[in-house]
Amino acid sequence: MDGLIQSQKNLSIAEKYFRESLKLGLSMKHDIAMAKLSLAGIMMQKRRKREAQGLLTEAKNLDTHNMLTAQIKLMQEQMKRI
């Protein structure tokens, strides 16, 4: 939750919170996918395209119920512009 709030204010703090939540271990695949998708967005904003692409691929693989399909496609389209 803190990561989402901070992503509106401070990308570095948001990145820290998302990485910490992944490190501590989220139990549901869709939660991990959402955290990686959010991190990918932060990496895109920081112009770290290669890292963003890797996180996006991981999020796509974890999204087994296709709950994040639209967001992933949108981010992939945005990544083409970087």
N, C-alpha and C. Protein backbone atom coordinates (compact mmCIF):
# COMPACT_ATOMS: atom_id res chain seq x y z
N MET A 1 0.82 -1.19 0.00
CA MET A 1 0.00 0.00 0.00
C MET A 1 0.86 1.25 0.00
N ASP A 2 1.90 1.24 0.84
CA ASP A 2 2.78 2.41 0.89
C ASP A 2 3.45 2.65 -0.45
N GLY A 3 3.77 1.57 -1.16
CA GLY A 3 4.40 1.71 -2.47
C GLY A 3 3.51 2.43 -3.45
N LEU A 4 2.21 2.11 -3.44
CA LEU A 4 1.28 2.78 -4.33
C LEU A 4 1.13 4.25 -3.99
N ILE A 5 1.06 4.56 -2.71
CA ILE A 5 0.94 5.95 -2.28
C ILE A 5 2.18 6.73 -2.67
N GLN A 6 3.35 6.17 -2.39
CA GLN A 6 4.60 6.86 -2.68
C GLN A 6 4.86 6.99 -4.18
N SER A 7 4.28 6.10 -4.98
CA SER A 7 4.51 6.18 -6.42
C SER A 7 3.94 7.46 -7.00
N GLN A 8 3.03 8.09 -6.29
CA GLN A 8 2.48 9.37 -6.71
C GLN A 8 3.38 10.52 -6.28
N LYS A 9 4.25 10.28 -5.31
CA LYS A 9 5.07 11.34 -4.72
C LYS A 9 6.55 11.17 -5.01
N ASN A 10 7.10 10.02 -4.65
CA ASN A 10 8.54 9.81 -4.70
C ASN A 10 8.83 8.42 -5.26
N LEU A 11 9.35 8.37 -6.47
CA LEU A 11 9.58 7.08 -7.13
C LEU A 11 10.61 6.22 -6.41
N SER A 12 11.62 6.83 -5.85
CA SER A 12 12.66 6.05 -5.18
C SER A 12 12.12 5.35 -3.93
N ILE A 13 11.30 6.04 -3.18
CA ILE A 13 10.69 5.43 -1.99
C ILE A 13 9.70 4.35 -2.41
N ALA A 14 8.93 4.61 -3.45
CA ALA A 14 7.97 3.62 -3.94
C ALA A 14 8.71 2.36 -4.39
N GLU A 15 9.81 2.55 -5.12
CA GLU A 15 10.61 1.41 -5.57
C GLU A 15 11.07 0.59 -4.37
N LYS A 16 11.54 1.27 -3.34
CA LYS A 16 12.01 0.59 -2.12
C LYS A 16 10.90 -0.26 -1.51
N TYR A 17 9.69 0.30 -1.38
CA TYR A 17 8.58 -0.43 -0.77
C TYR A 17 8.17 -1.64 -1.62
N PHE A 18 8.10 -1.49 -2.94
CA PHE A 18 7.73 -2.62 -3.78
C PHE A 18 8.78 -3.72 -3.72
N ARG A 19 10.05 -3.35 -3.76
CA ARG A 19 11.12 -4.35 -3.69
C ARG A 19 11.10 -5.06 -2.33
N GLU A 20 10.83 -4.29 -1.29
CA GLU A 20 10.76 -4.88 0.05
C GLU A 20 9.61 -5.87 0.15
N SER A 21 8.47 -5.53 -0.41
CA SER A 21 7.32 -6.44 -0.36
C SER A 21 7.60 -7.72 -1.13
N LEU A 22 8.30 -7.61 -2.26
CA LEU A 22 8.67 -8.81 -3.02
C LEU A 22 9.69 -9.65 -2.25
N LYS A 23 10.61 -8.98 -1.59
CA LYS A 23 11.64 -9.69 -0.83
C LYS A 23 11.04 -10.43 0.37
N LEU A 24 10.09 -9.79 1.05
CA LEU A 24 9.46 -10.41 2.22
C LEU A 24 8.58 -11.57 1.82
N GLY A 25 8.09 -11.56 0.59
CA GLY A 25 7.32 -12.68 0.09
C GLY A 25 5.82 -12.47 0.13
N LEU A 26 5.28 -12.15 -1.01
CA LEU A 26 3.83 -12.09 -1.16
C LEU A 26 3.34 -13.50 -1.45
N SER A 27 2.17 -13.85 -0.94
CA SER A 27 1.73 -15.25 -1.05
C SER A 27 0.95 -15.55 -2.33
N MET A 28 0.29 -14.57 -2.90
CA MET A 28 -0.54 -14.82 -4.08
C MET A 28 0.19 -14.38 -5.35
N LYS A 29 0.07 -15.20 -6.39
CA LYS A 29 0.75 -14.88 -7.65
C LYS A 29 0.31 -13.53 -8.22
N HIS A 30 -1.00 -13.24 -8.12
CA HIS A 30 -1.47 -11.97 -8.69
C HIS A 30 -0.96 -10.77 -7.91
N ASP A 31 -0.69 -10.94 -6.61
CA ASP A 31 -0.09 -9.86 -5.82
C ASP A 31 1.35 -9.61 -6.25
N ILE A 32 2.07 -10.69 -6.49
CA ILE A 32 3.46 -10.57 -6.96
C ILE A 32 3.47 -9.92 -8.34
N ALA A 33 2.54 -10.35 -9.20
CA ALA A 33 2.45 -9.78 -10.54
C ALA A 33 2.16 -8.28 -10.48
N MET A 34 1.27 -7.88 -9.59
CA MET A 34 0.93 -6.45 -9.46
C MET A 34 2.13 -5.65 -8.96
N ALA A 35 2.86 -6.20 -8.01
CA ALA A 35 4.05 -5.51 -7.49
C ALA A 35 5.10 -5.36 -8.59
N LYS A 36 5.30 -6.41 -9.38
CA LYS A 36 6.28 -6.35 -10.46
C LYS A 36 5.82 -5.40 -11.56
N LEU A 37 4.53 -5.38 -11.83
CA LEU A 37 3.99 -4.44 -12.81
C LEU A 37 4.19 -3.00 -12.35
N SER A 38 3.95 -2.74 -11.09
CA SER A 38 4.15 -1.41 -10.53
C SER A 38 5.63 -1.01 -10.58
N LEU A 39 6.50 -1.96 -10.25
CA LEU A 39 7.94 -1.70 -10.33
C LEU A 39 8.36 -1.43 -11.77
N ALA A 40 7.79 -2.15 -12.71
CA ALA A 40 8.09 -1.92 -14.12
C ALA A 40 7.72 -0.49 -14.52
N GLY A 41 6.59 -0.02 -14.04
CA GLY A 41 6.17 1.36 -14.32
C GLY A 41 7.15 2.37 -13.76
N ILE A 42 7.63 2.11 -12.56
CA ILE A 42 8.61 3.00 -11.94
C ILE A 42 9.91 2.99 -12.74
N MET A 43 10.34 1.80 -13.16
CA MET A 43 11.58 1.69 -13.94
C MET A 43 11.44 2.42 -15.27
N MET A 44 10.27 2.36 -15.88
CA MET A 44 10.04 3.10 -17.12
C MET A 44 10.17 4.60 -16.89
N GLN A 45 9.60 5.08 -15.80
CA GLN A 45 9.68 6.50 -15.50
C GLN A 45 11.11 6.93 -15.21
N LYS A 46 11.91 6.00 -14.71
CA LYS A 46 13.32 6.29 -14.43
C LYS A 46 14.20 6.02 -15.65
N ARG A 47 13.59 5.67 -16.79
CA ARG A 47 14.30 5.38 -18.03
C ARG A 47 15.22 4.16 -17.93
N ARG A 48 14.81 3.19 -17.13
CA ARG A 48 15.55 1.93 -17.01
C ARG A 48 14.76 0.86 -17.75
N LYS A 49 14.78 0.98 -19.07
CA LYS A 49 13.92 0.18 -19.94
C LYS A 49 14.17 -1.32 -19.84
N ARG A 50 15.43 -1.73 -19.81
CA ARG A 50 15.76 -3.16 -19.76
C ARG A 50 15.19 -3.81 -18.50
N GLU A 51 15.35 -3.13 -17.37
CA GLU A 51 14.83 -3.66 -16.11
C GLU A 51 13.30 -3.68 -16.13
N ALA A 52 12.72 -2.63 -16.70
CA ALA A 52 11.25 -2.56 -16.80
C ALA A 52 10.72 -3.71 -17.65
N GLN A 53 11.39 -4.00 -18.76
CA GLN A 53 10.96 -5.08 -19.64
C GLN A 53 11.01 -6.43 -18.93
N GLY A 54 12.07 -6.66 -18.16
CA GLY A 54 12.18 -7.91 -17.42
C GLY A 54 11.07 -8.07 -16.39
N LEU A 55 10.80 -7.00 -15.66
CA LEU A 55 9.74 -7.04 -14.65
C LEU A 55 8.37 -7.24 -15.30
N LEU A 56 8.17 -6.62 -16.45
CA LEU A 56 6.91 -6.75 -17.17
C LEU A 56 6.70 -8.18 -17.64
N THR A 57 7.75 -8.80 -18.12
CA THR A 57 7.68 -10.20 -18.55
C THR A 57 7.35 -11.12 -17.37
N GLU A 58 8.00 -10.86 -16.24
CA GLU A 58 7.72 -11.66 -15.04
C GLU A 58 6.27 -11.48 -14.60
N ALA A 59 5.78 -10.25 -14.64
CA ALA A 59 4.39 -9.98 -14.25
C ALA A 59 3.43 -10.71 -15.17
N LYS A 60 3.72 -10.68 -16.45
CA LYS A 60 2.85 -11.36 -17.44
C LYS A 60 2.81 -12.86 -17.17
N ASN A 61 3.96 -13.45 -16.86
CA ASN A 61 4.01 -14.89 -16.58
C ASN A 61 3.28 -15.25 -15.29
N LEU A 62 3.27 -14.36 -14.32
CA LEU A 62 2.60 -14.61 -13.05
C LEU A 62 1.09 -14.37 -13.12
N ASP A 63 0.65 -13.62 -14.11
CA ASP A 63 -0.77 -13.26 -14.24
C ASP A 63 -1.54 -14.41 -14.89
N THR A 64 -1.69 -15.50 -14.15
CA THR A 64 -2.30 -16.70 -14.70
C THR A 64 -3.81 -16.57 -14.94
N HIS A 65 -4.45 -15.64 -14.26
CA HIS A 65 -5.90 -15.44 -14.43
C HIS A 65 -6.22 -14.26 -15.34
N ASN A 66 -5.19 -13.71 -15.99
CA ASN A 66 -5.34 -12.60 -16.92
C ASN A 66 -6.05 -11.38 -16.34
N MET A 67 -5.79 -11.11 -15.08
CA MET A 67 -6.40 -9.96 -14.41
C MET A 67 -5.68 -8.66 -14.77
N LEU A 68 -4.44 -8.75 -15.21
CA LEU A 68 -3.64 -7.56 -15.49
C LEU A 68 -3.33 -7.41 -16.98
N THR A 69 -4.01 -8.16 -17.82
CA THR A 69 -3.72 -8.18 -19.25
C THR A 69 -3.77 -6.78 -19.87
N ALA A 70 -4.82 -6.03 -19.58
CA ALA A 70 -4.97 -4.69 -20.16
C ALA A 70 -3.86 -3.75 -19.72
N GLN A 71 -3.52 -3.80 -18.43
CA GLN A 71 -2.46 -2.93 -17.92
C GLN A 71 -1.10 -3.30 -18.51
N ILE A 72 -0.86 -4.60 -18.67
CA ILE A 72 0.41 -5.05 -19.24
C ILE A 72 0.52 -4.60 -20.69
N LYS A 73 -0.55 -4.76 -21.46
CA LYS A 73 -0.53 -4.33 -22.86
C LYS A 73 -0.31 -2.83 -22.98
N LEU A 74 -0.97 -2.07 -22.12
CA LEU A 74 -0.80 -0.62 -22.12
C LEU A 74 0.65 -0.25 -21.84
N MET A 75 1.24 -0.89 -20.85
CA MET A 75 2.62 -0.59 -20.49
C MET A 75 3.57 -1.00 -21.62
N GLN A 76 3.29 -2.10 -22.28
CA GLN A 76 4.14 -2.51 -23.41
C GLN A 76 4.08 -1.48 -24.53
N GLU A 77 2.91 -0.93 -24.79
CA GLU A 77 2.77 0.11 -25.81
C GLU A 77 3.54 1.37 -25.40
N GLN A 78 3.47 1.74 -24.13
CA GLN A 78 4.18 2.91 -23.65
C GLN A 78 5.70 2.69 -23.73
N MET A 79 6.12 1.47 -23.50
CA MET A 79 7.55 1.17 -23.50
C MET A 79 8.14 1.34 -24.91
N LYS A 80 7.33 1.14 -25.94
CA LYS A 80 7.82 1.30 -27.30
C LYS A 80 8.22 2.75 -27.58
N ARG A 81 7.67 3.69 -26.82
CA ARG A 81 7.95 5.11 -27.03
C ARG A 81 9.21 5.58 -26.31
N ILE A 82 9.76 4.72 -25.48
CA ILE A 82 10.96 5.12 -24.70
C ILE A 82 12.20 4.85 -25.53
